[in-house]
Amino acid sequence: MRLEQIVVDSNDPARLVRFWAELLGGEPVEREHGWAHVEPPDGPRMSFQPVPERKDVKNRLHLDFEVEDIEAAVVKAVSLGASREGLVHTDEKGSFQVMRDPEGNEFCFVR
């Protein structure tokens, strides 16, 4: 068994796939029936499934992206439409910054 893709519910898959493609690399692909996906060079495919409802609560699952420089990653993500959630947290395992993509889905930059 292997992880083939991560599927994210989205109100606007075409917009969200462009954000993630710019952030992670890869070409955004729009598919029939409103779906879209990107295959980042260093990770599994991320697919975006059209849904009518908006995101209202915290994700039950989120993605962590290891980065060399958290602040540089934050600046890039914000320039693409993400938002920062709070401050950088540091504990015995390292540091992380909670972020939200343009539709409010949480993800983290970790170091």
PDB file of N, CA and C in Angstrom:
ATOM      1  N   MET A   1       0.849  -1.171   0.000  1.00  0.00           N
ATOM      2  CA  MET A   1       0.000   0.000   0.000  1.00  0.00           C
ATOM      3  C   MET A   1       0.893   1.231   0.000  1.00  0.00           C
ATOM      4  N   ARG A   2       0.491   2.265  -0.736  1.00  0.00           N
ATOM      5  CA  ARG A   2       1.220   3.527  -0.732  1.00  0.00           C
ATOM      6  C   ARG A   2       0.240   4.678  -0.879  1.00  0.00           C
ATOM      7  N   LEU A   3       0.611   5.819  -0.364  1.00  0.00           N
ATOM      8  CA  LEU A   3      -0.214   7.018  -0.477  1.00  0.00           C
ATOM      9  C   LEU A   3      -0.135   7.518  -1.913  1.00  0.00           C
ATOM     10  N   GLU A   4      -1.257   7.562  -2.614  1.00  0.00           N
ATOM     11  CA  GLU A   4      -1.282   8.012  -4.005  1.00  0.00           C
ATOM     12  C   GLU A   4      -1.502   9.510  -4.120  1.00  0.00           C
ATOM     13  N   GLN A   5      -2.441  10.032  -3.337  1.00  0.00           N
ATOM     14  CA  GLN A   5      -2.732  11.458  -3.425  1.00  0.00           C
ATOM     15  C   GLN A   5      -3.432  11.919  -2.160  1.00  0.00           C
ATOM     16  N   ILE A   6      -3.421  13.213  -1.971  1.00  0.00           N
ATOM     17  CA  ILE A   6      -4.150  13.867  -0.889  1.00  0.00           C
ATOM     18  C   ILE A   6      -5.264  14.653  -1.565  1.00  0.00           C
ATOM     19  N   VAL A   7      -6.499  14.459  -1.128  1.00  0.00           N
ATOM     20  CA  VAL A   7      -7.640  15.134  -1.740  1.00  0.00           C
ATOM     21  C   VAL A   7      -8.180  16.172  -0.762  1.00  0.00           C
ATOM     22  N   VAL A   8      -8.353  17.390  -1.255  1.00  0.00           N
ATOM     23  CA  VAL A   8      -8.836  18.507  -0.452  1.00  0.00           C
ATOM     24  C   VAL A   8     -10.164  18.984  -1.023  1.00  0.00           C
ATOM     25  N   ASP A   9     -11.198  19.091  -0.181  1.00  0.00           N
ATOM     26  CA  ASP A   9     -12.464  19.690  -0.614  1.00  0.00           C
ATOM     27  C   ASP A   9     -12.224  21.168  -0.880  1.00  0.00           C
ATOM     28  N   SER A  10     -12.874  21.693  -1.919  1.00  0.00           N
ATOM     29  CA  SER A  10     -12.623  23.082  -2.296  1.00  0.00           C
ATOM     30  C   SER A  10     -13.847  23.703  -2.959  1.00  0.00           C
ATOM     31  N   ASN A  11     -14.060  24.990  -2.668  1.00  0.00           N
ATOM     32  CA  ASN A  11     -15.097  25.748  -3.369  1.00  0.00           C
ATOM     33  C   ASN A  11     -14.625  26.192  -4.749  1.00  0.00           C
ATOM     34  N   ASP A  12     -13.320  26.357  -4.924  1.00  0.00           N
ATOM     35  CA  ASP A  12     -12.746  26.817  -6.188  1.00  0.00           C
ATOM     36  C   ASP A  12     -11.443  26.057  -6.473  1.00  0.00           C
ATOM     37  N   PRO A  13     -11.558  24.794  -6.924  1.00  0.00           N
ATOM     38  CA  PRO A  13     -10.362  23.981  -7.166  1.00  0.00           C
ATOM     39  C   PRO A  13      -9.349  24.616  -8.105  1.00  0.00           C
ATOM     40  N   ALA A  14      -9.791  25.320  -9.127  1.00  0.00           N
ATOM     41  CA  ALA A  14      -8.853  25.940 -10.076  1.00  0.00           C
ATOM     42  C   ALA A  14      -7.982  26.981  -9.373  1.00  0.00           C
ATOM     43  N   ARG A  15      -8.554  27.752  -8.493  1.00  0.00           N
ATOM     44  CA  ARG A  15      -7.789  28.762  -7.743  1.00  0.00           C
ATOM     45  C   ARG A  15      -6.843  28.095  -6.744  1.00  0.00           C
ATOM     46  N   LEU A  16      -7.360  27.097  -6.020  1.00  0.00           N
ATOM     47  CA  LEU A  16      -6.561  26.458  -4.991  1.00  0.00           C
ATOM     48  C   LEU A  16      -5.386  25.677  -5.578  1.00  0.00           C
ATOM     49  N   VAL A  17      -5.589  25.023  -6.707  1.00  0.00           N
ATOM     50  CA  VAL A  17      -4.485  24.273  -7.324  1.00  0.00           C
ATOM     51  C   VAL A  17      -3.380  25.212  -7.779  1.00  0.00           C
ATOM     52  N   ARG A  18      -3.725  26.405  -8.231  1.00  0.00           N
ATOM     53  CA  ARG A  18      -2.689  27.370  -8.636  1.00  0.00           C
ATOM     54  C   ARG A  18      -1.859  27.805  -7.426  1.00  0.00           C
ATOM     55  N   PHE A  19      -2.520  28.041  -6.289  1.00  0.00           N
ATOM     56  CA  PHE A  19      -1.800  28.399  -5.070  1.00  0.00           C
ATOM     57  C   PHE A  19      -0.798  27.306  -4.707  1.00  0.00           C
ATOM     58  N   TRP A  20      -1.260  26.063  -4.601  1.00  0.00           N
ATOM     59  CA  TRP A  20      -0.389  24.970  -4.177  1.00  0.00           C
ATOM     60  C   TRP A  20       0.703  24.682  -5.198  1.00  0.00           C
ATOM     61  N   ALA A  21       0.411  24.818  -6.478  1.00  0.00           N
ATOM     62  CA  ALA A  21       1.436  24.607  -7.508  1.00  0.00           C
ATOM     63  C   ALA A  21       2.536  25.662  -7.383  1.00  0.00           C
ATOM     64  N   GLU A  22       2.163  26.907  -7.137  1.00  0.00           N
ATOM     65  CA  GLU A  22       3.162  27.966  -6.951  1.00  0.00           C
ATOM     66  C   GLU A  22       3.981  27.743  -5.687  1.00  0.00           C
ATOM     67  N   LEU A  23       3.333  27.275  -4.631  1.00  0.00           N
ATOM     68  CA  LEU A  23       4.018  27.083  -3.363  1.00  0.00           C
ATOM     69  C   LEU A  23       4.958  25.873  -3.395  1.00  0.00           C
ATOM     70  N   LEU A  24       4.499  24.754  -3.958  1.00  0.00           N
ATOM     71  CA  LEU A  24       5.242  23.497  -3.885  1.00  0.00           C
ATOM     72  C   LEU A  24       5.976  23.115  -5.163  1.00  0.00           C
ATOM     73  N   GLY A  25       5.623  23.755  -6.274  1.00  0.00           N
ATOM     74  CA  GLY A  25       6.186  23.359  -7.553  1.00  0.00           C
ATOM     75  C   GLY A  25       5.232  22.407  -8.264  1.00  0.00           C
ATOM     76  N   GLY A  26       5.463  22.212  -9.534  1.00  0.00           N
ATOM     77  CA  GLY A  26       4.570  21.383 -10.338  1.00  0.00           C
ATOM     78  C   GLY A  26       3.613  22.248 -11.130  1.00  0.00           C
ATOM     79  N   GLU A  27       2.982  21.630 -12.097  1.00  0.00           N
ATOM     80  CA  GLU A  27       2.045  22.343 -12.968  1.00  0.00           C
ATOM     81  C   GLU A  27       0.610  22.094 -12.516  1.00  0.00           C
ATOM     82  N   PRO A  28      -0.190  23.151 -12.388  1.00  0.00           N
ATOM     83  CA  PRO A  28      -1.597  22.952 -12.047  1.00  0.00           C
ATOM     84  C   PRO A  28      -2.337  22.330 -13.227  1.00  0.00           C
ATOM     85  N   VAL A  29      -3.164  21.344 -12.936  1.00  0.00           N
ATOM     86  CA  VAL A  29      -3.945  20.659 -13.966  1.00  0.00           C
ATOM     87  C   VAL A  29      -5.412  20.758 -13.593  1.00  0.00           C
ATOM     88  N   GLU A  30      -6.216  21.350 -14.484  1.00  0.00           N
ATOM     89  CA  GLU A  30      -7.659  21.394 -14.277  1.00  0.00           C
ATOM     90  C   GLU A  30      -8.270  20.227 -15.027  1.00  0.00           C
ATOM     91  N   ARG A  31      -9.151  19.484 -14.354  1.00  0.00           N
ATOM     92  CA  ARG A  31      -9.752  18.287 -14.927  1.00  0.00           C
ATOM     93  C   ARG A  31     -11.251  18.488 -15.115  1.00  0.00           C
ATOM     94  N   GLU A  32     -11.880  17.506 -15.723  1.00  0.00           N
ATOM     95  CA  GLU A  32     -13.320  17.622 -15.927  1.00  0.00           C
ATOM     96  C   GLU A  32     -14.069  17.535 -14.600  1.00  0.00           C
ATOM     97  N   HIS A  33     -15.286  17.991 -14.607  1.00  0.00           N
ATOM     98  CA  HIS A  33     -16.175  18.005 -13.441  1.00  0.00           C
ATOM     99  C   HIS A  33     -15.654  18.903 -12.315  1.00  0.00           C
ATOM    100  N   GLY A  34     -14.784  19.881 -12.641  1.00  0.00           N
ATOM    101  CA  GLY A  34     -14.328  20.861 -11.672  1.00  0.00           C
ATOM    102  C   GLY A  34     -13.134  20.444 -10.831  1.00  0.00           C
ATOM    103  N   TRP A  35     -12.644  19.228 -10.995  1.00  0.00           N
ATOM    104  CA  TRP A  35     -11.487  18.765 -10.223  1.00  0.00           C
ATOM    105  C   TRP A  35     -10.217  19.433 -10.741  1.00  0.00           C
ATOM    106  N   ALA A  36      -9.192  19.447  -9.898  1.00  0.00           N
ATOM    107  CA  ALA A  36      -7.875  19.936 -10.298  1.00  0.00           C
ATOM    108  C   ALA A  36      -6.824  19.184  -9.482  1.00  0.00           C
ATOM    109  N   HIS A  37      -5.578  19.161  -9.980  1.00  0.00           N
ATOM    110  CA  HIS A  37      -4.514  18.542  -9.202  1.00  0.00           C
ATOM    111  C   HIS A  37      -3.155  19.124  -9.566  1.00  0.00           C
ATOM    112  N   VAL A  38      -2.191  18.877  -8.690  1.00  0.00           N
ATOM    113  CA  VAL A  38      -0.801  19.234  -8.931  1.00  0.00           C
ATOM    114  C   VAL A  38       0.042  18.080  -8.402  1.00  0.00           C
ATOM    115  N   GLU A  39       1.134  17.787  -9.098  1.00  0.00           N
ATOM    116  CA  GLU A  39       2.074  16.752  -8.657  1.00  0.00           C
ATOM    117  C   GLU A  39       3.394  17.435  -8.308  1.00  0.00           C
ATOM    118  N   PRO A  40       3.561  17.833  -7.033  1.00  0.00           N
ATOM    119  CA  PRO A  40       4.799  18.486  -6.629  1.00  0.00           C
ATOM    120  C   PRO A  40       5.993  17.541  -6.816  1.00  0.00           C
ATOM    121  N   PRO A  41       7.170  18.071  -7.116  1.00  0.00           N
ATOM    122  CA  PRO A  41       8.325  17.220  -7.357  1.00  0.00           C
ATOM    123  C   PRO A  41       8.736  16.387  -6.139  1.00  0.00           C
ATOM    124  N   ASP A  42       8.442  16.849  -4.923  1.00  0.00           N
ATOM    125  CA  ASP A  42       8.888  16.136  -3.731  1.00  0.00           C
ATOM    126  C   ASP A  42       7.751  15.643  -2.853  1.00  0.00           C
ATOM    127  N   GLY A  43       6.634  15.272  -3.446  1.00  0.00           N
ATOM    128  CA  GLY A  43       5.527  14.812  -2.618  1.00  0.00           C
ATOM    129  C   GLY A  43       4.453  14.146  -3.441  1.00  0.00           C
ATOM    130  N   PRO A  44       3.414  13.640  -2.778  1.00  0.00           N
ATOM    131  CA  PRO A  44       2.317  13.010  -3.505  1.00  0.00           C
ATOM    132  C   PRO A  44       1.457  14.048  -4.228  1.00  0.00           C
ATOM    133  N   ARG A  45       0.690  13.581  -5.173  1.00  0.00           N
ATOM    134  CA  ARG A  45      -0.268  14.444  -5.883  1.00  0.00           C
ATOM    135  C   ARG A  45      -1.235  15.046  -4.873  1.00  0.00           C
ATOM    136  N   MET A  46      -1.559  16.311  -5.082  1.00  0.00           N
ATOM    137  CA  MET A  46      -2.619  16.960  -4.318  1.00  0.00           C
ATOM    138  C   MET A  46      -3.761  17.233  -5.279  1.00  0.00           C
ATOM    139  N   SER A  47      -4.942  16.692  -4.960  1.00  0.00           N
ATOM    140  CA  SER A  47      -6.128  16.887  -5.787  1.00  0.00           C
ATOM    141  C   SER A  47      -7.133  17.754  -5.043  1.00  0.00           C
ATOM    142  N   PHE A  48      -7.910  18.493  -5.810  1.00  0.00           N
ATOM    143  CA  PHE A  48      -8.887  19.414  -5.244  1.00  0.00           C
ATOM    144  C   PHE A  48     -10.245  19.088  -5.830  1.00  0.00           C
ATOM    145  N   GLN A  49     -11.144  18.701  -4.941  1.00  0.00           N
ATOM    146  CA  GLN A  49     -12.474  18.226  -5.300  1.00  0.00           C
ATOM    147  C   GLN A  49     -13.485  19.333  -5.059  1.00  0.00           C
ATOM    148  N   PRO A  50     -14.314  19.647  -6.056  1.00  0.00           N
ATOM    149  CA  PRO A  50     -15.303  20.704  -5.845  1.00  0.00           C
ATOM    150  C   PRO A  50     -16.414  20.259  -4.892  1.00  0.00           C
ATOM    151  N   VAL A  51     -16.705  21.118  -3.930  1.00  0.00           N
ATOM    152  CA  VAL A  51     -17.813  20.892  -2.996  1.00  0.00           C
ATOM    153  C   VAL A  51     -18.560  22.209  -2.821  1.00  0.00           C
ATOM    154  N   PRO A  52     -19.850  22.157  -2.525  1.00  0.00           N
ATOM    155  CA  PRO A  52     -20.612  23.406  -2.380  1.00  0.00           C
ATOM    156  C   PRO A  52     -20.437  24.075  -1.026  1.00  0.00           C
ATOM    157  N   GLU A  53     -20.185  23.303   0.036  1.00  0.00           N
ATOM    158  CA  GLU A  53     -20.115  23.895   1.365  1.00  0.00           C
ATOM    159  C   GLU A  53     -18.750  24.531   1.611  1.00  0.00           C
ATOM    160  N   ARG A  54     -18.744  25.554   2.468  1.00  0.00           N
ATOM    161  CA  ARG A  54     -17.511  26.244   2.840  1.00  0.00           C
ATOM    162  C   ARG A  54     -16.906  25.562   4.058  1.00  0.00           C
ATOM    163  N   LYS A  55     -15.633  25.767   4.261  1.00  0.00           N
ATOM    164  CA  LYS A  55     -14.948  25.237   5.436  1.00  0.00           C
ATOM    165  C   LYS A  55     -15.361  26.074   6.647  1.00  0.00           C
ATOM    166  N   ASP A  56     -15.840  25.418   7.717  1.00  0.00           N
ATOM    167  CA  ASP A  56     -16.324  26.139   8.892  1.00  0.00           C
ATOM    168  C   ASP A  56     -15.540  25.854  10.162  1.00  0.00           C
ATOM    169  N   VAL A  57     -14.869  24.718  10.248  1.00  0.00           N
ATOM    170  CA  VAL A  57     -14.171  24.343  11.479  1.00  0.00           C
ATOM    171  C   VAL A  57     -12.735  23.945  11.165  1.00  0.00           C
ATOM    172  N   LYS A  58     -11.962  23.754  12.216  1.00  0.00           N
ATOM    173  CA  LYS A  58     -10.561  23.346  12.088  1.00  0.00           C
ATOM    174  C   LYS A  58     -10.460  22.004  11.355  1.00  0.00           C
ATOM    175  N   ASN A  59      -9.414  21.866  10.532  1.00  0.00           N
ATOM    176  CA  ASN A  59      -9.166  20.597   9.850  1.00  0.00           C
ATOM    177  C   ASN A  59      -8.937  19.479  10.859  1.00  0.00           C
ATOM    178  N   ARG A  60      -9.366  18.279  10.533  1.00  0.00           N
ATOM    179  CA  ARG A  60      -9.051  17.106  11.343  1.00  0.00           C
ATOM    180  C   ARG A  60      -7.684  16.547  10.959  1.00  0.00           C
ATOM    181  N   LEU A  61      -7.191  16.944   9.808  1.00  0.00           N
ATOM    182  CA  LEU A  61      -5.892  16.507   9.290  1.00  0.00           C
ATOM    183  C   LEU A  61      -5.255  17.718   8.645  1.00  0.00           C
ATOM    184  N   HIS A  62      -3.951  17.913   8.845  1.00  0.00           N
ATOM    185  CA  HIS A  62      -3.271  19.004   8.155  1.00  0.00           C
ATOM    186  C   HIS A  62      -1.911  18.516   7.685  1.00  0.00           C
ATOM    187  N   LEU A  63      -1.308  19.268   6.793  1.00  0.00           N
ATOM    188  CA  LEU A  63      -0.020  18.913   6.214  1.00  0.00           C
ATOM    189  C   LEU A  63       1.081  19.743   6.857  1.00  0.00           C
ATOM    190  N   ASP A  64       2.217  19.111   7.134  1.00  0.00           N
ATOM    191  CA  ASP A  64       3.410  19.795   7.639  1.00  0.00           C
ATOM    192  C   ASP A  64       4.465  19.781   6.541  1.00  0.00           C
ATOM    193  N   PHE A  65       5.044  20.928   6.251  1.00  0.00           N
ATOM    194  CA  PHE A  65       6.081  21.049   5.228  1.00  0.00           C
ATOM    195  C   PHE A  65       7.371  21.486   5.899  1.00  0.00           C
ATOM    196  N   GLU A  66       8.403  20.660   5.808  1.00  0.00           N
ATOM    197  CA  GLU A  66       9.702  21.007   6.363  1.00  0.00           C
ATOM    198  C   GLU A  66      10.347  22.052   5.463  1.00  0.00           C
ATOM    199  N   VAL A  67      10.835  23.120   6.069  1.00  0.00           N
ATOM    200  CA  VAL A  67      11.471  24.212   5.330  1.00  0.00           C
ATOM    201  C   VAL A  67      12.776  24.584   6.012  1.00  0.00           C
ATOM    202  N   GLU A  68      13.687  25.172   5.251  1.00  0.00           N
ATOM    203  CA  GLU A  68      14.953  25.648   5.808  1.00  0.00           C
ATOM    204  C   GLU A  68      14.760  26.914   6.635  1.00  0.00           C
ATOM    205  N   ASP A  69      13.847  27.781   6.179  1.00  0.00           N
ATOM    206  CA  ASP A  69      13.639  29.097   6.800  1.00  0.00           C
ATOM    207  C   ASP A  69      12.135  29.349   6.902  1.00  0.00           C
ATOM    208  N   ILE A  70      11.596  29.256   8.105  1.00  0.00           N
ATOM    209  CA  ILE A  70      10.149  29.417   8.291  1.00  0.00           C
ATOM    210  C   ILE A  70       9.688  30.782   7.810  1.00  0.00           C
ATOM    211  N   GLU A  71      10.376  31.842   8.180  1.00  0.00           N
ATOM    212  CA  GLU A  71       9.915  33.189   7.817  1.00  0.00           C
ATOM    213  C   GLU A  71       9.917  33.384   6.304  1.00  0.00           C
ATOM    214  N   ALA A  72      10.929  32.892   5.604  1.00  0.00           N
ATOM    215  CA  ALA A  72      10.964  33.006   4.139  1.00  0.00           C
ATOM    216  C   ALA A  72       9.803  32.235   3.517  1.00  0.00           C
ATOM    217  N   ALA A  73       9.478  31.056   4.064  1.00  0.00           N
ATOM    218  CA  ALA A  73       8.349  30.274   3.555  1.00  0.00           C
ATOM    219  C   ALA A  73       7.031  31.005   3.800  1.00  0.00           C
ATOM    220  N   VAL A  74       6.910  31.648   4.971  1.00  0.00           N
ATOM    221  CA  VAL A  74       5.706  32.414   5.292  1.00  0.00           C
ATOM    222  C   VAL A  74       5.533  33.567   4.313  1.00  0.00           C
ATOM    223  N   VAL A  75       6.596  34.304   4.062  1.00  0.00           N
ATOM    224  CA  VAL A  75       6.530  35.443   3.140  1.00  0.00           C
ATOM    225  C   VAL A  75       6.070  34.988   1.762  1.00  0.00           C
ATOM    226  N   LYS A  76       6.642  33.887   1.270  1.00  0.00           N
ATOM    227  CA  LYS A  76       6.246  33.374  -0.049  1.00  0.00           C
ATOM    228  C   LYS A  76       4.779  32.962  -0.048  1.00  0.00           C
ATOM    229  N   ALA A  77       4.359  32.194   0.957  1.00  0.00           N
ATOM    230  CA  ALA A  77       2.976  31.715   1.010  1.00  0.00           C
ATOM    231  C   ALA A  77       1.983  32.872   1.102  1.00  0.00           C
ATOM    232  N   VAL A  78       2.283  33.864   1.928  1.00  0.00           N
ATOM    233  CA  VAL A  78       1.392  35.022   2.067  1.00  0.00           C
ATOM    234  C   VAL A  78       1.300  35.784   0.742  1.00  0.00           C
ATOM    235  N   SER A  79       2.413  35.901   0.033  1.00  0.00           N
ATOM    236  CA  SER A  79       2.383  36.597  -1.264  1.00  0.00           C
ATOM    237  C   SER A  79       1.504  35.875  -2.280  1.00  0.00           C
ATOM    238  N   LEU A  80       1.277  34.562  -2.067  1.00  0.00           N
ATOM    239  CA  LEU A  80       0.443  33.767  -2.971  1.00  0.00           C
ATOM    240  C   LEU A  80      -1.013  33.682  -2.519  1.00  0.00           C
ATOM    241  N   GLY A  81      -1.323  34.225  -1.329  1.00  0.00           N
ATOM    242  CA  GLY A  81      -2.710  34.235  -0.870  1.00  0.00           C
ATOM    243  C   GLY A  81      -2.969  33.514   0.435  1.00  0.00           C
ATOM    244  N   ALA A  82      -1.937  32.950   1.067  1.00  0.00           N
ATOM    245  CA  ALA A  82      -2.108  32.292   2.367  1.00  0.00           C
ATOM    246  C   ALA A  82      -2.145  33.334   3.472  1.00  0.00           C
ATOM    247  N   SER A  83      -2.478  32.893   4.669  1.00  0.00           N
ATOM    248  CA  SER A  83      -2.415  33.774   5.834  1.00  0.00           C
ATOM    249  C   SER A  83      -1.737  33.033   6.985  1.00  0.00           C
ATOM    250  N   ARG A  84      -1.073  33.820   7.815  1.00  0.00           N
ATOM    251  CA  ARG A  84      -0.385  33.301   8.994  1.00  0.00           C
ATOM    252  C   ARG A  84      -1.395  33.199  10.131  1.00  0.00           C
ATOM    253  N   GLU A  85      -1.306  32.146  10.924  1.00  0.00           N
ATOM    254  CA  GLU A  85      -2.184  31.948  12.080  1.00  0.00           C
ATOM    255  C   GLU A  85      -1.329  32.010  13.337  1.00  0.00           C
ATOM    256  N   GLY A  86      -1.359  33.114  14.041  1.00  0.00           N
ATOM    257  CA  GLY A  86      -0.583  33.238  15.270  1.00  0.00           C
ATOM    258  C   GLY A  86       0.904  33.405  15.018  1.00  0.00           C
ATOM    259  N   LEU A  87       1.695  33.044  16.034  1.00  0.00           N
ATOM    260  CA  LEU A  87       3.146  33.206  15.996  1.00  0.00           C
ATOM    261  C   LEU A  87       3.835  31.860  15.792  1.00  0.00           C
ATOM    262  N   VAL A  88       5.127  31.893  15.533  1.00  0.00           N
ATOM    263  CA  VAL A  88       5.924  30.666  15.456  1.00  0.00           C
ATOM    264  C   VAL A  88       5.947  30.029  16.839  1.00  0.00           C
ATOM    265  N   HIS A  89       5.705  28.730  16.895  1.00  0.00           N
ATOM    266  CA  HIS A  89       5.763  27.963  18.133  1.00  0.00           C
ATOM    267  C   HIS A  89       7.063  27.171  18.151  1.00  0.00           C
ATOM    268  N   THR A  90       7.707  27.115  19.305  1.00  0.00           N
ATOM    269  CA  THR A  90       8.933  26.337  19.446  1.00  0.00           C
ATOM    270  C   THR A  90       8.803  25.427  20.653  1.00  0.00           C
ATOM    271  N   ASP A  91       9.203  24.162  20.472  1.00  0.00           N
ATOM    272  CA  ASP A  91       9.239  23.212  21.573  1.00  0.00           C
ATOM    273  C   ASP A  91      10.500  22.363  21.435  1.00  0.00           C
ATOM    274  N   GLU A  92      10.586  21.271  22.179  1.00  0.00           N
ATOM    275  CA  GLU A  92      11.788  20.443  22.164  1.00  0.00           C
ATOM    276  C   GLU A  92      12.045  19.763  20.822  1.00  0.00           C
ATOM    277  N   LYS A  93      11.059  19.676  19.962  1.00  0.00           N
ATOM    278  CA  LYS A  93      11.208  19.046  18.648  1.00  0.00           C
ATOM    279  C   LYS A  93      11.597  20.029  17.555  1.00  0.00           C
ATOM    280  N   GLY A  94      11.440  21.328  17.791  1.00  0.00           N
ATOM    281  CA  GLY A  94      11.747  22.328  16.775  1.00  0.00           C
ATOM    282  C   GLY A  94      10.717  23.440  16.771  1.00  0.00           C
ATOM    283  N   SER A  95      10.576  24.079  15.614  1.00  0.00           N
ATOM    284  CA  SER A  95       9.656  25.212  15.484  1.00  0.00           C
ATOM    285  C   SER A  95       8.648  24.950  14.380  1.00  0.00           C
ATOM    286  N   PHE A  96       7.479  25.575  14.512  1.00  0.00           N
ATOM    287  CA  PHE A  96       6.472  25.477  13.451  1.00  0.00           C
ATOM    288  C   PHE A  96       5.612  26.731  13.414  1.00  0.00           C
ATOM    289  N   GLN A  97       5.095  27.006  12.223  1.00  0.00           N
ATOM    290  CA  GLN A  97       4.201  28.139  11.988  1.00  0.00           C
ATOM    291  C   GLN A  97       2.926  27.599  11.353  1.00  0.00           C
ATOM    292  N   VAL A  98       1.785  27.827  11.991  1.00  0.00           N
ATOM    293  CA  VAL A  98       0.495  27.443  11.427  1.00  0.00           C
ATOM    294  C   VAL A  98       0.116  28.463  10.358  1.00  0.00           C
ATOM    295  N   MET A  99      -0.351  27.952   9.228  1.00  0.00           N
ATOM    296  CA  MET A  99      -0.768  28.778   8.098  1.00  0.00           C
ATOM    297  C   MET A  99      -2.160  28.352   7.652  1.00  0.00           C
ATOM    298  N   ARG A 100      -2.773  29.184   6.820  1.00  0.00           N
ATOM    299  CA  ARG A 100      -4.045  28.843   6.167  1.00  0.00           C
ATOM    300  C   ARG A 100      -3.915  29.139   4.683  1.00  0.00           C
ATOM    301  N   ASP A 101      -4.367  28.193   3.858  1.00  0.00           N
ATOM    302  CA  ASP A 101      -4.348  28.425   2.418  1.00  0.00           C
ATOM    303  C   ASP A 101      -5.481  29.400   2.059  1.00  0.00           C
ATOM    304  N   PRO A 102      -5.635  29.784   0.796  1.00  0.00           N
ATOM    305  CA  PRO A 102      -6.663  30.778   0.450  1.00  0.00           C
ATOM    306  C   PRO A 102      -8.101  30.397   0.810  1.00  0.00           C
ATOM    307  N   GLU A 103      -8.385  29.110   1.043  1.00  0.00           N
ATOM    308  CA  GLU A 103      -9.732  28.703   1.459  1.00  0.00           C
ATOM    309  C   GLU A 103      -9.804  28.400   2.956  1.00  0.00           C
ATOM    310  N   GLY A 104      -8.723  28.679   3.688  1.00  0.00           N
ATOM    311  CA  GLY A 104      -8.737  28.518   5.137  1.00  0.00           C
ATOM    312  C   GLY A 104      -8.256  27.179   5.653  1.00  0.00           C
ATOM    313  N   ASN A 105      -7.784  26.285   4.783  1.00  0.00           N
ATOM    314  CA  ASN A 105      -7.269  24.989   5.224  1.00  0.00           C
ATOM    315  C   ASN A 105      -5.930  25.177   5.926  1.00  0.00           C
ATOM    316  N   GLU A 106      -5.806  24.611   7.145  1.00  0.00           N
ATOM    317  CA  GLU A 106      -4.584  24.756   7.916  1.00  0.00           C
ATOM    318  C   GLU A 106      -3.470  23.863   7.362  1.00  0.00           C
ATOM    319  N   PHE A 107      -2.255  24.382   7.424  1.00  0.00           N
ATOM    320  CA  PHE A 107      -1.045  23.624   7.162  1.00  0.00           C
ATOM    321  C   PHE A 107       0.066  24.275   7.962  1.00  0.00           C
ATOM    322  N   CYS A 108       1.203  23.609   8.103  1.00  0.00           N
ATOM    323  CA  CYS A 108       2.296  24.165   8.906  1.00  0.00           C
ATOM    324  C   CYS A 108       3.618  24.130   8.153  1.00  0.00           C
ATOM    325  N   PHE A 109       4.430  25.134   8.422  1.00  0.00           N
ATOM    326  CA  PHE A 109       5.836  25.104   8.050  1.00  0.00           C
ATOM    327  C   PHE A 109       6.588  24.680   9.300  1.00  0.00           C
ATOM    328  N   VAL A 110       7.451  23.683   9.175  1.00  0.00           N
ATOM    329  CA  VAL A 110       8.199  23.176  10.323  1.00  0.00           C
ATOM    330  C   VAL A 110       9.688  23.241  10.068  1.00  0.00           C
ATOM    331  N   ARG A 111      10.421  23.374  11.159  1.00  0.00           N
ATOM    332  CA  ARG A 111      11.891  23.399  11.100  1.00  0.00           C
ATOM    333  C   ARG A 111      12.420  22.696  12.317  1.00  0.00           C
TER     334      ARG A 111
END
